[in-house]
N, C-alpha and C. Protein backbone atom coordinates (compact mmCIF):
# COMPACT_ATOMS: atom_id res chain seq x y z
N UNK A 1 146.21 104.73 127.90
CA UNK A 1 145.46 105.38 126.84
C UNK A 1 145.23 104.43 125.67
N UNK A 2 146.29 103.70 125.31
CA UNK A 2 146.18 102.79 124.18
C UNK A 2 145.18 101.68 124.49
N UNK A 3 145.14 101.20 125.73
CA UNK A 3 144.20 100.14 126.07
C UNK A 3 142.77 100.66 126.04
N UNK A 4 142.55 101.93 126.37
CA UNK A 4 141.22 102.53 126.28
C UNK A 4 140.77 102.60 124.83
N UNK A 5 141.68 102.98 123.92
CA UNK A 5 141.36 103.03 122.50
C UNK A 5 141.07 101.64 121.96
N UNK A 6 141.85 100.66 122.40
CA UNK A 6 141.65 99.28 121.95
C UNK A 6 140.30 98.77 122.44
N UNK A 7 139.99 99.04 123.72
CA UNK A 7 138.70 98.61 124.27
C UNK A 7 137.55 99.28 123.52
N UNK A 8 137.70 100.57 123.23
CA UNK A 8 136.66 101.30 122.48
C UNK A 8 136.50 100.72 121.09
N UNK A 9 137.59 100.41 120.42
CA UNK A 9 137.55 99.82 119.07
C UNK A 9 136.85 98.46 119.10
N UNK A 10 137.17 97.66 120.08
CA UNK A 10 136.53 96.33 120.21
C UNK A 10 135.04 96.52 120.48
N UNK A 11 134.73 97.45 121.37
CA UNK A 11 133.33 97.74 121.70
C UNK A 11 132.56 98.18 120.46
N UNK A 12 133.11 99.09 119.69
CA UNK A 12 132.45 99.58 118.47
C UNK A 12 132.31 98.46 117.43
N UNK A 13 133.33 97.64 117.31
CA UNK A 13 133.27 96.51 116.38
C UNK A 13 132.14 95.57 116.78
N UNK A 14 132.02 95.29 118.07
CA UNK A 14 130.94 94.42 118.55
C UNK A 14 129.57 95.03 118.27
N UNK A 15 129.44 96.32 118.50
CA UNK A 15 128.16 96.99 118.23
C UNK A 15 127.82 96.90 116.74
N UNK A 16 128.79 97.16 115.88
CA UNK A 16 128.55 97.06 114.44
C UNK A 16 128.19 95.64 114.03
N UNK A 17 128.87 94.66 114.63
CA UNK A 17 128.58 93.25 114.34
C UNK A 17 127.14 92.90 114.75
N UNK A 18 126.75 93.34 115.96
CA UNK A 18 125.39 93.06 116.44
C UNK A 18 124.36 93.73 115.53
N UNK A 19 124.62 94.98 115.15
CA UNK A 19 123.67 95.68 114.26
C UNK A 19 123.58 95.00 112.90
N UNK A 20 124.71 94.56 112.38
CA UNK A 20 124.69 93.84 111.09
C UNK A 20 123.93 92.53 111.22
N UNK A 21 124.09 91.84 112.34
CA UNK A 21 123.38 90.58 112.55
C UNK A 21 121.88 90.80 112.63
N UNK A 22 121.49 91.87 113.34
CA UNK A 22 120.06 92.19 113.46
C UNK A 22 119.49 92.48 112.08
N UNK A 23 120.20 93.29 111.28
CA UNK A 23 119.73 93.60 109.92
C UNK A 23 119.66 92.36 109.07
N UNK A 24 120.65 91.47 109.18
CA UNK A 24 120.65 90.23 108.40
C UNK A 24 119.48 89.35 108.80
N UNK A 25 119.19 89.27 110.11
CA UNK A 25 118.05 88.47 110.56
C UNK A 25 116.74 89.06 110.08
N UNK A 26 116.62 90.37 110.10
CA UNK A 26 115.40 91.01 109.62
C UNK A 26 115.21 90.75 108.14
N UNK A 27 116.27 90.84 107.37
CA UNK A 27 116.18 90.59 105.94
C UNK A 27 115.80 89.13 105.69
N UNK A 28 116.42 88.22 106.44
CA UNK A 28 116.11 86.80 106.28
C UNK A 28 114.65 86.54 106.61
N UNK A 29 114.14 87.16 107.68
CA UNK A 29 112.74 86.98 108.05
C UNK A 29 111.83 87.55 106.96
N UNK A 30 112.17 88.72 106.43
CA UNK A 30 111.36 89.33 105.37
C UNK A 30 111.37 88.45 104.13
N UNK A 31 112.55 87.94 103.76
CA UNK A 31 112.63 87.05 102.60
C UNK A 31 111.80 85.80 102.84
N UNK A 32 111.86 85.27 104.07
CA UNK A 32 111.09 84.07 104.39
C UNK A 32 109.60 84.38 104.30
N UNK A 33 109.17 85.53 104.84
CA UNK A 33 107.75 85.89 104.77
C UNK A 33 107.30 86.05 103.32
N UNK A 34 108.14 86.64 102.47
CA UNK A 34 107.79 86.79 101.06
C UNK A 34 107.65 85.43 100.41
N UNK A 35 108.56 84.53 100.73
CA UNK A 35 108.49 83.17 100.16
C UNK A 35 107.22 82.47 100.65
N UNK A 36 106.91 82.58 101.94
CA UNK A 36 105.69 81.97 102.48
C UNK A 36 104.44 82.58 101.85
N UNK A 37 104.44 83.90 101.70
CA UNK A 37 103.30 84.57 101.07
C UNK A 37 103.12 84.11 99.63
N UNK A 38 104.22 83.90 98.91
CA UNK A 38 104.14 83.43 97.53
C UNK A 38 103.50 82.04 97.48
N UNK A 39 103.93 81.15 98.37
CA UNK A 39 103.38 79.79 98.41
C UNK A 39 101.89 79.84 98.76
N UNK A 40 101.54 80.66 99.76
CA UNK A 40 100.12 80.78 100.14
C UNK A 40 99.31 81.35 98.97
N UNK A 41 99.86 82.34 98.30
CA UNK A 41 99.18 82.90 97.14
C UNK A 41 98.96 81.87 96.05
N UNK A 42 99.99 81.07 95.79
CA UNK A 42 99.86 80.03 94.76
C UNK A 42 98.79 79.02 95.13
N UNK A 43 98.72 78.66 96.41
CA UNK A 43 97.69 77.73 96.87
C UNK A 43 96.31 78.35 96.69
N UNK A 44 96.15 79.60 97.10
CA UNK A 44 94.86 80.28 96.99
C UNK A 44 94.44 80.40 95.52
N UNK A 45 95.37 80.81 94.66
CA UNK A 45 95.04 80.95 93.24
C UNK A 45 94.74 79.59 92.61
N UNK A 46 95.38 78.54 93.09
CA UNK A 46 95.10 77.20 92.56
C UNK A 46 93.71 76.72 92.95
N UNK A 47 93.22 77.17 94.09
CA UNK A 47 91.90 76.74 94.56
C UNK A 47 90.77 77.32 93.71
N UNK A 48 91.02 78.40 93.02
CA UNK A 48 89.98 79.08 92.23
C UNK A 48 89.29 78.12 91.27
N UNK A 49 90.08 77.27 90.62
CA UNK A 49 89.49 76.38 89.61
C UNK A 49 88.63 75.27 90.21
N UNK A 50 88.68 75.09 91.53
CA UNK A 50 87.89 74.05 92.18
C UNK A 50 86.60 74.59 92.80
N UNK A 51 86.32 75.87 92.58
CA UNK A 51 85.13 76.48 93.15
C UNK A 51 84.23 76.94 92.01
N UNK A 52 82.94 76.67 92.14
CA UNK A 52 81.98 77.11 91.14
C UNK A 52 81.46 78.48 91.56
N UNK A 53 81.83 79.48 90.77
CA UNK A 53 81.47 80.86 91.05
C UNK A 53 80.20 81.21 90.29
N UNK A 54 79.42 82.17 90.78
CA UNK A 54 78.24 82.61 90.03
C UNK A 54 78.64 83.04 88.63
N UNK A 55 77.87 82.60 87.65
CA UNK A 55 78.20 82.87 86.23
C UNK A 55 78.19 84.35 85.88
N UNK A 56 77.36 85.12 86.53
CA UNK A 56 77.22 86.53 86.17
C UNK A 56 78.50 87.33 86.41
N UNK A 57 79.33 86.85 87.30
CA UNK A 57 80.54 87.60 87.63
C UNK A 57 81.58 87.49 86.52
N UNK A 58 81.99 88.61 85.98
CA UNK A 58 83.08 88.65 84.99
C UNK A 58 84.42 88.84 85.69
N UNK A 59 84.34 89.26 86.96
CA UNK A 59 85.55 89.47 87.75
C UNK A 59 85.51 88.58 88.98
N UNK A 60 86.67 88.20 89.42
CA UNK A 60 86.81 87.43 90.65
C UNK A 60 87.69 88.27 91.56
N UNK A 61 87.12 88.73 92.66
CA UNK A 61 87.85 89.63 93.54
C UNK A 61 88.39 88.85 94.73
N UNK A 62 89.71 88.90 94.86
CA UNK A 62 90.38 88.32 96.02
C UNK A 62 90.66 89.46 96.98
N UNK A 63 89.98 89.42 98.11
CA UNK A 63 90.19 90.43 99.14
C UNK A 63 91.24 89.94 100.12
N UNK A 64 92.06 90.85 100.57
CA UNK A 64 93.05 90.54 101.60
C UNK A 64 92.79 91.49 102.76
N UNK A 65 92.54 90.93 103.91
CA UNK A 65 92.28 91.73 105.09
C UNK A 65 93.63 92.12 105.71
N UNK A 66 94.29 93.05 105.04
CA UNK A 66 95.63 93.46 105.46
C UNK A 66 96.03 94.71 104.69
N UNK A 67 96.96 95.44 105.24
CA UNK A 67 97.55 96.57 104.52
C UNK A 67 99.01 96.29 104.18
N UNK A 68 99.40 95.00 104.21
CA UNK A 68 100.77 94.59 103.89
C UNK A 68 101.01 94.79 102.40
N UNK A 69 101.69 95.87 102.06
CA UNK A 69 101.90 96.25 100.67
C UNK A 69 102.63 95.18 99.88
N UNK A 70 103.64 94.54 100.49
CA UNK A 70 104.40 93.51 99.78
C UNK A 70 103.50 92.32 99.42
N UNK A 71 102.64 91.92 100.36
CA UNK A 71 101.74 90.79 100.09
C UNK A 71 100.75 91.16 98.98
N UNK A 72 100.20 92.34 99.06
CA UNK A 72 99.22 92.78 98.07
C UNK A 72 99.86 92.88 96.69
N UNK A 73 101.07 93.44 96.62
CA UNK A 73 101.79 93.51 95.35
C UNK A 73 102.07 92.11 94.79
N UNK A 74 102.45 91.20 95.66
CA UNK A 74 102.73 89.83 95.25
C UNK A 74 101.47 89.16 94.70
N UNK A 75 100.34 89.32 95.39
CA UNK A 75 99.08 88.75 94.92
C UNK A 75 98.65 89.39 93.60
N UNK A 76 98.85 90.70 93.46
CA UNK A 76 98.52 91.38 92.20
C UNK A 76 99.36 90.85 91.05
N UNK A 77 100.62 90.59 91.31
CA UNK A 77 101.51 90.01 90.29
C UNK A 77 100.99 88.65 89.85
N UNK A 78 100.57 87.83 90.81
CA UNK A 78 100.02 86.51 90.49
C UNK A 78 98.70 86.64 89.73
N UNK A 79 97.87 87.60 90.13
CA UNK A 79 96.57 87.79 89.49
C UNK A 79 96.73 88.17 88.03
N UNK A 80 97.71 89.00 87.73
CA UNK A 80 97.89 89.44 86.34
C UNK A 80 98.28 88.27 85.44
N UNK A 81 98.95 87.29 85.98
CA UNK A 81 99.33 86.14 85.16
C UNK A 81 98.26 85.04 85.17
N UNK A 82 97.29 85.12 86.07
CA UNK A 82 96.26 84.08 86.18
C UNK A 82 94.92 84.46 85.56
N UNK A 83 94.69 85.73 85.33
CA UNK A 83 93.40 86.13 84.74
C UNK A 83 93.27 85.50 83.36
N UNK A 84 92.04 85.16 83.01
CA UNK A 84 91.80 84.58 81.69
C UNK A 84 90.57 85.22 81.06
N UNK A 85 90.17 84.70 79.93
CA UNK A 85 89.05 85.31 79.21
C UNK A 85 87.72 85.15 79.94
N UNK A 86 87.62 84.15 80.82
CA UNK A 86 86.37 83.93 81.53
C UNK A 86 86.19 84.87 82.72
N UNK A 87 87.25 85.04 83.48
CA UNK A 87 87.17 85.89 84.66
C UNK A 87 88.48 86.65 84.84
N UNK A 88 88.33 87.92 85.10
CA UNK A 88 89.48 88.74 85.42
C UNK A 88 89.66 88.72 86.93
N UNK A 89 90.87 88.44 87.40
CA UNK A 89 91.13 88.36 88.84
C UNK A 89 91.67 89.72 89.31
N UNK A 90 91.02 90.22 90.35
CA UNK A 90 91.40 91.51 90.93
C UNK A 90 91.72 91.28 92.40
N UNK A 91 92.80 91.90 92.88
CA UNK A 91 93.18 91.80 94.28
C UNK A 91 92.94 93.16 94.93
N UNK A 92 92.27 93.13 96.07
CA UNK A 92 91.99 94.36 96.80
C UNK A 92 92.34 94.18 98.28
N UNK A 93 92.80 95.24 98.86
CA UNK A 93 93.11 95.28 100.28
C UNK A 93 91.93 95.89 101.03
N UNK A 94 91.61 95.32 102.19
CA UNK A 94 90.53 95.84 103.02
C UNK A 94 91.02 95.99 104.46
N UNK A 95 90.43 96.95 105.16
CA UNK A 95 90.81 97.16 106.55
C UNK A 95 89.74 96.68 107.53
N UNK A 96 88.51 96.45 107.03
CA UNK A 96 87.46 95.93 107.91
C UNK A 96 86.87 94.66 107.30
N UNK A 97 86.48 93.76 108.16
CA UNK A 97 85.93 92.49 107.70
C UNK A 97 84.58 92.68 107.01
N UNK A 98 83.76 93.57 107.53
CA UNK A 98 82.45 93.82 106.92
C UNK A 98 82.57 94.29 105.48
N UNK A 99 83.45 95.24 105.25
CA UNK A 99 83.68 95.74 103.89
C UNK A 99 84.26 94.64 102.99
N UNK A 100 85.17 93.88 103.54
CA UNK A 100 85.82 92.82 102.76
C UNK A 100 84.83 91.75 102.34
N UNK A 101 83.92 91.37 103.23
CA UNK A 101 82.96 90.32 102.88
C UNK A 101 81.92 90.80 101.88
N UNK A 102 81.68 92.10 101.83
CA UNK A 102 80.72 92.65 100.87
C UNK A 102 81.31 92.79 99.47
N UNK A 103 82.62 92.90 99.37
CA UNK A 103 83.25 93.22 98.09
C UNK A 103 84.28 92.19 97.63
N UNK A 104 84.20 90.97 98.13
CA UNK A 104 85.17 89.93 97.75
C UNK A 104 84.45 88.64 97.38
N UNK A 105 85.09 87.87 96.53
CA UNK A 105 84.63 86.51 96.25
C UNK A 105 85.43 85.51 97.08
N UNK A 106 86.71 85.81 97.22
CA UNK A 106 87.60 85.05 98.10
C UNK A 106 88.16 86.08 99.08
N UNK A 107 88.17 85.74 100.35
CA UNK A 107 88.75 86.64 101.33
C UNK A 107 89.84 85.90 102.09
N UNK A 108 91.06 86.40 101.97
CA UNK A 108 92.20 85.85 102.70
C UNK A 108 92.44 86.71 103.93
N UNK A 109 92.40 86.06 105.09
CA UNK A 109 92.63 86.76 106.35
C UNK A 109 93.95 86.26 106.94
N UNK A 110 95.01 87.06 106.80
CA UNK A 110 96.30 86.66 107.36
C UNK A 110 96.23 86.53 108.89
N UNK A 111 97.15 85.78 109.42
CA UNK A 111 97.18 85.49 110.84
C UNK A 111 97.09 86.75 111.70
N UNK A 112 97.79 87.80 111.32
CA UNK A 112 97.83 89.01 112.16
C UNK A 112 96.48 89.70 112.28
N UNK A 113 95.51 89.39 111.42
CA UNK A 113 94.18 89.99 111.49
C UNK A 113 93.10 88.97 111.83
N UNK A 114 93.50 87.83 112.33
CA UNK A 114 92.55 86.76 112.66
C UNK A 114 91.54 87.15 113.72
N UNK A 115 91.93 88.03 114.62
CA UNK A 115 91.02 88.44 115.70
C UNK A 115 89.76 89.08 115.14
N UNK A 116 89.88 89.79 114.02
CA UNK A 116 88.70 90.40 113.39
C UNK A 116 87.70 89.33 112.97
N UNK A 117 88.22 88.22 112.43
CA UNK A 117 87.34 87.14 112.00
C UNK A 117 86.73 86.43 113.22
N UNK A 118 87.52 86.20 114.24
CA UNK A 118 87.04 85.51 115.43
C UNK A 118 85.90 86.28 116.11
N UNK A 119 85.94 87.61 116.02
CA UNK A 119 84.92 88.44 116.66
C UNK A 119 83.69 88.64 115.77
N UNK A 120 83.75 88.25 114.51
CA UNK A 120 82.67 88.49 113.56
C UNK A 120 81.59 87.44 113.73
N UNK A 121 80.33 87.86 113.79
CA UNK A 121 79.25 86.91 114.05
C UNK A 121 78.24 86.79 112.92
N UNK A 122 78.32 87.64 111.90
CA UNK A 122 77.35 87.58 110.80
C UNK A 122 77.64 86.41 109.88
N UNK A 123 76.57 85.88 109.25
CA UNK A 123 76.75 84.85 108.23
C UNK A 123 77.36 85.49 106.99
N UNK A 124 78.28 84.79 106.40
CA UNK A 124 78.96 85.29 105.20
C UNK A 124 78.60 84.36 104.05
N UNK A 125 77.97 84.91 103.01
CA UNK A 125 77.58 84.09 101.87
C UNK A 125 78.27 84.57 100.60
N UNK A 126 78.47 83.63 99.68
CA UNK A 126 79.11 83.88 98.39
C UNK A 126 80.55 84.36 98.50
N UNK A 127 81.17 84.11 99.64
CA UNK A 127 82.57 84.47 99.84
C UNK A 127 83.29 83.24 100.41
N UNK A 128 84.37 82.86 99.77
CA UNK A 128 85.19 81.77 100.27
C UNK A 128 86.20 82.37 101.23
N UNK A 129 86.04 82.09 102.52
CA UNK A 129 86.92 82.63 103.56
C UNK A 129 88.11 81.69 103.74
N UNK A 130 89.31 82.25 103.58
CA UNK A 130 90.54 81.50 103.76
C UNK A 130 91.35 82.18 104.87
N UNK A 131 91.69 81.41 105.89
CA UNK A 131 92.45 81.94 107.02
C UNK A 131 93.76 81.17 107.17
N UNK A 132 94.54 81.55 108.19
CA UNK A 132 95.79 80.83 108.42
C UNK A 132 96.16 80.76 109.90
N UNK A 133 95.15 80.67 110.75
CA UNK A 133 95.41 80.55 112.18
C UNK A 133 94.76 79.26 112.68
N UNK A 134 95.50 78.54 113.47
CA UNK A 134 95.02 77.28 114.04
C UNK A 134 93.64 77.47 114.68
N UNK A 135 92.70 76.60 114.33
CA UNK A 135 91.38 76.59 114.94
C UNK A 135 90.32 77.43 114.25
N UNK A 136 90.68 78.19 113.22
CA UNK A 136 89.67 79.06 112.60
C UNK A 136 88.69 78.31 111.71
N UNK A 137 89.02 77.10 111.29
CA UNK A 137 88.03 76.31 110.54
C UNK A 137 86.86 75.97 111.45
N UNK A 138 87.14 75.70 112.70
CA UNK A 138 86.06 75.41 113.64
C UNK A 138 85.23 76.66 113.94
N UNK A 139 85.79 77.82 113.68
CA UNK A 139 85.10 79.08 113.95
C UNK A 139 84.29 79.56 112.73
N UNK A 140 84.41 78.87 111.59
CA UNK A 140 83.60 79.24 110.44
C UNK A 140 84.36 79.54 109.17
N UNK A 141 85.68 79.46 109.21
CA UNK A 141 86.46 79.63 107.99
C UNK A 141 86.23 78.42 107.10
N UNK A 142 86.12 78.65 105.79
CA UNK A 142 85.93 77.53 104.87
C UNK A 142 87.23 76.76 104.68
N UNK A 143 88.33 77.50 104.58
CA UNK A 143 89.64 76.89 104.37
C UNK A 143 90.63 77.56 105.30
N UNK A 144 91.46 76.77 105.93
CA UNK A 144 92.46 77.29 106.85
C UNK A 144 93.82 76.71 106.46
N UNK A 145 94.74 77.60 106.11
CA UNK A 145 96.09 77.18 105.74
C UNK A 145 96.88 76.89 107.00
N UNK A 146 97.49 75.71 107.06
CA UNK A 146 98.26 75.32 108.24
C UNK A 146 99.59 74.71 107.79
N UNK A 147 100.52 74.64 108.73
CA UNK A 147 101.80 73.99 108.45
C UNK A 147 101.82 72.67 109.21
N UNK A 148 102.07 71.59 108.48
CA UNK A 148 102.16 70.26 109.06
C UNK A 148 103.50 69.67 108.65
N UNK A 149 104.32 69.37 109.64
CA UNK A 149 105.66 68.82 109.38
C UNK A 149 106.45 69.69 108.40
N UNK A 150 106.35 71.01 108.58
CA UNK A 150 107.11 71.95 107.75
C UNK A 150 106.54 72.18 106.36
N UNK A 151 105.37 71.61 106.06
CA UNK A 151 104.76 71.77 104.74
C UNK A 151 103.40 72.45 104.87
N UNK A 152 103.10 73.29 103.90
CA UNK A 152 101.82 73.97 103.89
C UNK A 152 100.72 73.00 103.47
N UNK A 153 99.71 72.91 104.30
CA UNK A 153 98.53 72.09 104.03
C UNK A 153 97.31 72.98 104.28
N UNK A 154 96.12 72.43 104.04
CA UNK A 154 94.93 73.21 104.36
C UNK A 154 93.85 72.32 104.94
N UNK A 155 93.12 72.93 105.88
CA UNK A 155 91.94 72.29 106.45
C UNK A 155 90.75 72.83 105.67
N UNK A 156 89.71 72.02 105.57
CA UNK A 156 88.50 72.49 104.89
C UNK A 156 87.29 72.15 105.76
N UNK A 157 86.43 73.14 105.92
CA UNK A 157 85.23 73.01 106.72
C UNK A 157 84.06 72.92 105.75
N UNK A 158 83.57 71.71 105.53
CA UNK A 158 82.51 71.49 104.55
C UNK A 158 81.24 72.26 104.90
N UNK A 159 80.93 72.35 106.20
CA UNK A 159 79.73 73.07 106.62
C UNK A 159 79.86 74.56 106.27
N UNK A 160 81.02 75.15 106.51
CA UNK A 160 81.24 76.57 106.18
C UNK A 160 81.18 76.78 104.68
N UNK A 161 81.68 75.82 103.91
CA UNK A 161 81.61 75.93 102.45
C UNK A 161 80.16 75.91 102.01
N UNK A 162 79.36 75.00 102.56
CA UNK A 162 77.94 74.92 102.21
C UNK A 162 77.20 76.19 102.60
N UNK A 163 77.53 76.76 103.77
CA UNK A 163 76.88 77.99 104.22
C UNK A 163 77.26 79.17 103.32
N UNK A 164 78.43 79.10 102.69
CA UNK A 164 78.84 80.20 101.80
C UNK A 164 78.04 80.19 100.51
N UNK A 165 77.31 79.11 100.25
CA UNK A 165 76.50 78.86 99.05
C UNK A 165 77.35 78.68 97.79
N UNK A 166 78.64 78.53 97.95
CA UNK A 166 79.50 78.22 96.81
C UNK A 166 79.62 76.70 96.70
N UNK A 167 79.85 76.24 95.51
CA UNK A 167 80.04 74.80 95.31
C UNK A 167 81.53 74.54 95.10
N UNK A 168 82.05 73.61 95.90
CA UNK A 168 83.47 73.27 95.85
C UNK A 168 83.61 71.85 95.33
N UNK A 169 84.52 71.66 94.41
CA UNK A 169 84.77 70.34 93.84
C UNK A 169 85.22 69.35 94.90
N UNK A 170 84.80 68.11 94.73
CA UNK A 170 85.23 67.06 95.66
C UNK A 170 86.74 66.87 95.61
N UNK A 171 87.37 67.22 94.48
CA UNK A 171 88.83 67.11 94.38
C UNK A 171 89.52 68.01 95.40
N UNK A 172 88.96 69.20 95.61
CA UNK A 172 89.53 70.11 96.59
C UNK A 172 89.36 69.57 98.00
N UNK A 173 88.17 69.05 98.30
CA UNK A 173 87.94 68.52 99.64
C UNK A 173 88.80 67.29 99.91
N UNK A 174 89.08 66.52 98.86
CA UNK A 174 89.96 65.34 99.03
C UNK A 174 91.41 65.75 99.31
N UNK A 175 91.83 66.89 98.77
CA UNK A 175 93.20 67.35 98.99
C UNK A 175 93.40 67.94 100.37
N UNK A 176 92.31 68.42 101.00
CA UNK A 176 92.42 69.06 102.29
C UNK A 176 92.20 68.11 103.45
N UNK A 177 92.37 68.63 104.62
CA UNK A 177 92.12 67.90 105.87
C UNK A 177 90.73 68.34 106.33
N UNK A 178 89.78 67.43 106.29
CA UNK A 178 88.41 67.82 106.64
C UNK A 178 88.27 68.03 108.14
N UNK A 179 87.63 69.15 108.49
CA UNK A 179 87.43 69.52 109.90
C UNK A 179 85.96 69.45 110.21
């Protein structure tokens, strides 16, 4: 009887340990994703000053093709500290690419929604498309965030930038990897 209780106790301890490990890994992954999202957001917000936007716009809308509340909240936090007297930065979440391209100046398409962009065939003008999946610059994204040797870098597609009818500073193109 005592050995059955001991075996049960060991079994329960192992189950609790495994569950705690799973929760710790999930938390670590979530923290890592938040950190990655913050870095990507900082890169995207830094690019704003290298793009010539139409003068008539008093607002600069950053669309995110995602319903990830944490990412949207993080981008909104950054926008509130980056808005200035010339342009107010607004972050909006979109669920369809068509709607996002009609109502955004910059559109960030996270990796998990890349298939929507790959399937899209319409020309997109006056919107700077930023993606984060390997190969999307060749598919028409203006800027594609990639990881090279553990560091965030970006590819830039000059043809897609020209087709967007936005003007991008040569400083930005020099910082990126031209595709």
